[in-house]
Amino acid sequence: MAEFGAFAETANVAFLLAFPSLFSIINPIGGALIFSVYTRAFPHSERLKIAGLVGLYSLAIMFCALWGGAYVLNFFGVSLDALRIAGGLVVALNGWNLLSSGDQHPDRRTGDPAPAAGDDWKQVAFFPLTLPFTTGPGTIAVAITLGAERPRESAHALAFFIGATLAAIANAAIVWIAYRFADRLTAVMGATARQVVTRLSAFLLMCIGVQILVTAVGDLVVKWRGTLVLFRGHSIAARSPGGPGRYSGSA
């Protein structure tokens, strides 16, 4: 019973850690505004299909980043700190670009024209609606960071896997629901409210990117200081009369 309680607690902690982290980066409400504008050339039936595909693709990307991203980084020799710094920069720049955009439709993250009705809606569902609009570099960086920080013990690792997986599924479901009802959401909000929500979402996105960057740089500085202190300690010990490399004691 105690083991099951520890297992459930680890899964719960993993869910509470992963869900808000992914949700704040994905921002389904802001994404729904983008979805509504970008898919306005498609009929309603195809927009519903696109919403389902975006949710499915987003879940696949989060799964791959959570459970395979760290191994890919190790293969290419990229450190987790470098990923967090790069991801934080990308998220902050995306938020700044959206916040400072002077477009007449500020709820769009791109100045490119929306696709025509004859375009392939399946292709649009993956690019650009899933990647990079919904689960872009920031989401991938956060997911890889979460996966890399999983416990090493097998029992706790399994519980962490279940909790983080449920968090990814919950976020993908919210994306699907928000995008499915994006038209109703934009109609209820109105143009002014859409601009306000978009600007606030952009500012929040920029703050999240800066926080990721600051945390990554801070952790890196702490590691460098620890390494420097350890190196100095070994150097002083080596130069001391009783340190390594010197013989002391009586014959």
Protein backbone atom coordinates (compact mmCIF):
# COMPACT_ATOMS: atom_id res chain seq x y z
CA MET A 1 0.00 0.00 0.00
CA ALA A 2 2.86 2.34 0.87
CA GLU A 3 4.56 1.57 -2.43
CA PHE A 4 1.37 2.36 -4.35
CA GLY A 5 1.06 5.64 -2.44
CA ALA A 6 4.61 6.62 -3.38
CA PHE A 7 3.94 5.61 -6.99
CA ALA A 8 0.76 7.71 -7.15
CA GLU A 9 2.48 10.68 -5.50
CA THR A 10 5.32 10.61 -8.04
CA ALA A 11 2.84 10.42 -10.93
CA ASN A 12 0.82 13.29 -9.45
CA VAL A 13 3.93 15.45 -9.01
CA ALA A 14 4.98 14.72 -12.59
CA PHE A 15 1.53 15.71 -13.88
CA LEU A 16 1.45 18.92 -11.84
CA LEU A 17 4.93 19.77 -13.11
CA ALA A 18 4.40 18.91 -16.78
CA PHE A 19 0.84 20.14 -17.35
CA PRO A 20 1.26 23.86 -16.49
CA SER A 21 4.71 23.96 -18.09
CA LEU A 22 3.39 22.67 -21.42
CA PHE A 23 0.09 24.56 -21.19
CA SER A 24 1.74 27.94 -20.68
CA ILE A 25 3.98 27.42 -23.71
CA ILE A 26 1.28 25.99 -25.99
CA ASN A 27 -1.28 28.68 -25.02
CA PRO A 28 -4.37 27.03 -26.59
CA ILE A 29 -6.51 30.20 -26.35
CA GLY A 30 -4.02 32.30 -28.27
CA GLY A 31 -3.49 29.43 -30.68
CA ALA A 32 -7.24 29.20 -31.29
CA LEU A 33 -7.26 32.81 -32.46
CA ILE A 34 -4.46 32.05 -34.90
CA PHE A 35 -6.24 28.89 -36.02
CA SER A 36 -9.45 30.78 -36.71
CA VAL A 37 -7.72 33.36 -38.90
CA TYR A 38 -5.46 30.92 -40.72
CA THR A 39 -8.21 28.43 -41.61
CA ARG A 40 -10.96 30.88 -42.56
CA ALA A 41 -10.63 29.90 -46.25
CA PHE A 42 -11.58 26.28 -45.50
CA PRO A 43 -15.14 25.01 -45.06
CA HIS A 44 -16.36 24.23 -41.55
CA SER A 45 -16.11 20.45 -41.99
CA GLU A 46 -12.46 20.68 -42.97
CA ARG A 47 -11.67 23.05 -40.11
CA LEU A 48 -12.99 20.42 -37.70
CA LYS A 49 -10.74 17.81 -39.31
CA ILE A 50 -7.77 20.18 -39.13
CA ALA A 51 -8.42 20.75 -35.42
CA GLY A 52 -8.37 17.01 -34.78
CA LEU A 53 -5.15 16.55 -36.74
CA VAL A 54 -3.46 19.44 -34.95
CA GLY A 55 -4.32 17.85 -31.60
CA LEU A 56 -2.98 14.48 -32.78
CA TYR A 57 0.20 15.93 -34.26
CA SER A 58 0.80 18.02 -31.14
CA LEU A 59 0.50 14.92 -28.97
CA ALA A 60 2.98 13.05 -31.19
CA ILE A 61 5.51 15.90 -31.01
CA MET A 62 5.21 16.14 -27.23
CA PHE A 63 5.63 12.37 -26.89
CA CYS A 64 8.73 12.33 -29.09
CA ALA A 65 10.27 15.28 -27.23
CA LEU A 66 9.43 13.90 -23.78
CA TRP A 67 10.73 10.38 -24.24
CA GLY A 68 13.20 10.56 -27.12
CA GLY A 69 14.48 14.12 -27.19
CA ALA A 70 17.21 13.65 -24.57
CA TYR A 71 18.68 10.70 -26.50
CA VAL A 72 18.74 12.75 -29.69
CA LEU A 73 20.58 15.54 -27.88
CA ASN A 74 23.14 13.08 -26.52
CA PHE A 75 23.66 11.64 -30.00
CA PHE A 76 24.48 15.05 -31.45
CA GLY A 77 26.45 16.18 -28.40
CA VAL A 78 24.05 19.00 -27.47
CA SER A 79 23.77 19.75 -23.77
CA LEU A 80 20.48 20.31 -22.01
CA ASP A 81 21.62 23.77 -20.94
CA ALA A 82 22.27 24.73 -24.56
CA LEU A 83 18.80 23.50 -25.51
CA ARG A 84 17.16 25.51 -22.74
CA ILE A 85 19.05 28.66 -23.67
CA ALA A 86 18.21 28.29 -27.36
CA GLY A 87 14.58 27.42 -26.61
CA GLY A 88 14.23 30.37 -24.25
CA LEU A 89 15.63 32.73 -26.88
CA VAL A 90 13.26 31.42 -29.55
CA VAL A 91 10.21 31.67 -27.28
CA ALA A 92 11.12 35.17 -26.12
CA LEU A 93 11.74 36.39 -29.68
CA ASN A 94 8.46 34.88 -30.90
CA GLY A 95 6.60 36.59 -28.09
CA TRP A 96 8.30 39.91 -28.82
CA ASN A 97 7.56 39.68 -32.55
CA LEU A 98 3.90 39.01 -31.87
CA LEU A 99 3.72 41.70 -29.19
CA SER A 100 5.30 44.38 -31.38
CA SER A 101 3.52 43.38 -34.58
CA GLY A 102 1.69 46.23 -36.26
CA ASP A 103 -0.41 43.90 -38.42
CA GLN A 104 -4.10 44.66 -38.76
CA HIS A 105 -4.66 41.10 -37.54
CA PRO A 106 -2.40 40.86 -34.47
CA ASP A 107 -3.74 37.42 -33.68
CA ARG A 108 -1.54 36.01 -36.43
CA ARG A 109 2.04 35.05 -35.77
CA THR A 110 3.09 35.41 -39.34
CA GLY A 111 2.76 37.93 -42.10
CA ASP A 112 2.32 35.22 -44.71
CA PRO A 113 -1.05 35.08 -46.45
CA ALA A 114 -3.55 32.50 -45.29
CA PRO A 115 -3.86 29.39 -47.46
CA ALA A 116 -6.42 29.26 -50.22
CA ALA A 117 -9.43 26.98 -50.04
CA GLY A 118 -7.91 24.62 -52.59
CA ASP A 119 -4.78 23.95 -50.52
CA ASP A 120 -4.24 20.60 -48.84
CA TRP A 121 -5.78 20.89 -45.37
CA LYS A 122 -3.79 17.88 -44.14
CA GLN A 123 -0.52 19.62 -44.92
CA VAL A 124 -1.72 22.87 -43.33
CA ALA A 125 -2.64 20.94 -40.17
CA PHE A 126 0.99 19.96 -39.61
CA PHE A 127 2.77 23.00 -41.01
CA PRO A 128 2.39 25.68 -39.88
CA LEU A 129 -0.54 25.08 -37.49
CA THR A 130 1.08 22.33 -35.42
CA LEU A 131 4.70 23.23 -36.01
CA PRO A 132 5.62 25.96 -35.22
CA PHE A 133 2.36 27.68 -34.17
CA THR A 134 1.10 25.18 -31.56
CA THR A 135 4.02 23.00 -30.50
CA GLY A 136 7.03 24.98 -31.63
CA PRO A 137 10.64 25.15 -30.40
CA GLY A 138 9.59 26.35 -26.95
CA THR A 139 7.26 23.41 -26.37
CA ILE A 140 9.89 20.96 -27.64
CA ALA A 141 12.56 22.47 -25.38
CA VAL A 142 10.29 22.29 -22.31
CA ALA A 143 9.23 18.71 -23.10
CA ILE A 144 12.83 17.55 -23.58
CA THR A 145 13.82 19.23 -20.32
CA LEU A 146 10.99 17.47 -18.47
CA GLY A 147 11.93 14.11 -19.97
CA ALA A 148 15.62 14.54 -19.13
CA GLU A 149 14.82 15.26 -15.47
CA ARG A 150 12.89 12.03 -14.92
CA PRO A 151 13.92 9.85 -11.93
CA ARG A 152 16.49 7.15 -12.55
CA GLU A 153 14.85 4.46 -10.40
CA SER A 154 12.65 2.19 -12.52
CA ALA A 155 9.55 2.42 -10.30
CA HIS A 156 9.69 6.20 -9.97
CA ALA A 157 10.58 6.56 -13.67
CA LEU A 158 7.44 4.63 -14.62
CA ALA A 159 5.28 6.80 -12.37
CA PHE A 160 6.88 9.94 -13.81
CA PHE A 161 6.28 8.61 -17.33
CA ILE A 162 2.57 8.06 -16.59
CA GLY A 163 2.10 11.49 -15.01
CA ALA A 164 3.92 13.38 -17.79
CA THR A 165 2.13 11.35 -20.47
CA LEU A 166 -1.26 12.23 -18.98
CA ALA A 167 -0.21 15.88 -18.93
CA ALA A 168 0.69 15.73 -22.64
CA ILE A 169 -2.61 14.02 -23.46
CA ALA A 170 -4.56 16.63 -21.47
CA ASN A 171 -2.83 19.49 -23.29
CA ALA A 172 -3.44 17.88 -26.68
CA ALA A 173 -7.13 17.43 -25.80
CA ILE A 174 -7.40 21.08 -24.77
CA VAL A 175 -5.79 22.12 -28.07
CA TRP A 176 -8.31 20.03 -30.00
CA ILE A 177 -11.28 21.46 -28.07
CA ALA A 178 -10.04 25.07 -28.32
CA TYR A 179 -9.37 24.79 -32.05
CA ARG A 180 -12.60 22.94 -32.71
CA PHE A 181 -14.60 25.81 -31.19
CA ALA A 182 -12.24 28.57 -32.37
CA ASP A 183 -14.91 30.16 -34.58
CA ARG A 184 -17.36 30.44 -31.69
CA LEU A 185 -14.63 31.76 -29.42
CA THR A 186 -13.63 34.53 -31.81
CA ALA A 187 -17.28 35.42 -32.48
CA VAL A 188 -18.02 35.77 -28.77
CA MET A 189 -14.86 37.73 -27.99
CA GLY A 190 -15.07 40.32 -30.76
CA ALA A 191 -12.21 42.14 -32.48
CA THR A 192 -11.15 44.28 -29.52
CA ALA A 193 -11.10 41.41 -27.05
CA ARG A 194 -9.15 39.29 -29.52
CA GLN A 195 -6.46 41.95 -29.76
CA VAL A 196 -6.26 42.30 -25.98
CA VAL A 197 -6.00 38.55 -25.40
CA THR A 198 -3.44 38.19 -28.17
CA ARG A 199 -1.26 40.99 -26.80
CA LEU A 200 -1.44 39.58 -23.27
CA SER A 201 -0.66 36.10 -24.56
CA ALA A 202 2.31 37.47 -26.49
CA PHE A 203 3.63 39.25 -23.39
CA LEU A 204 3.18 36.09 -21.31
CA LEU A 205 4.97 34.07 -23.98
CA MET A 206 7.89 36.50 -23.97
CA CYS A 207 8.09 36.35 -20.16
CA ILE A 208 8.11 32.55 -20.25
CA GLY A 209 10.93 32.57 -22.78
CA VAL A 210 12.96 34.99 -20.65
CA GLN A 211 12.32 32.84 -17.56
CA ILE A 212 13.54 29.71 -19.37
CA LEU A 213 16.64 31.61 -20.50
CA VAL A 214 17.38 33.11 -17.07
CA THR A 215 16.94 29.77 -15.31
CA ALA A 216 19.19 27.99 -17.81
CA VAL A 217 21.92 30.64 -17.56
CA GLY A 218 21.67 30.64 -13.76
CA ASP A 219 22.03 26.86 -13.56
CA LEU A 220 24.98 27.02 -15.95
CA VAL A 221 26.71 29.69 -13.84
CA VAL A 222 26.20 27.59 -10.70
CA LYS A 223 27.77 24.58 -12.43
CA TRP A 224 30.74 26.65 -13.60
CA ARG A 225 31.27 28.06 -10.12
CA GLY A 226 31.14 24.59 -8.59
CA THR A 227 33.65 23.28 -11.12
CA LEU A 228 35.94 26.28 -10.54
CA VAL A 229 35.80 25.88 -6.75
CA LEU A 230 36.54 22.16 -7.06
CA PHE A 231 39.45 22.87 -9.41
CA ARG A 232 40.91 25.47 -7.04
CA GLY A 233 40.52 23.08 -4.12
CA HIS A 234 42.49 20.38 -5.94
CA SER A 235 45.17 22.91 -6.92
CA ILE A 236 45.62 24.13 -3.35
CA ALA A 237 45.72 20.56 -2.05
CA ALA A 238 48.36 19.66 -4.63
CA ARG A 239 50.56 22.60 -3.60
CA SER A 240 50.22 22.05 0.15
CA PRO A 241 53.03 20.27 2.06
CA GLY A 242 50.86 17.28 2.83
CA GLY A 243 49.02 17.29 -0.50
CA PRO A 244 49.16 14.73 -3.30
CA GLY A 245 52.54 14.30 -4.92
CA ARG A 246 54.46 15.14 -1.68
CA TYR A 247 55.72 12.58 0.78
CA SER A 248 55.21 13.43 4.42
CA GLY A 249 55.77 11.38 7.50
CA SER A 250 58.63 9.73 9.37
CA ALA A 251 60.69 6.83 8.10
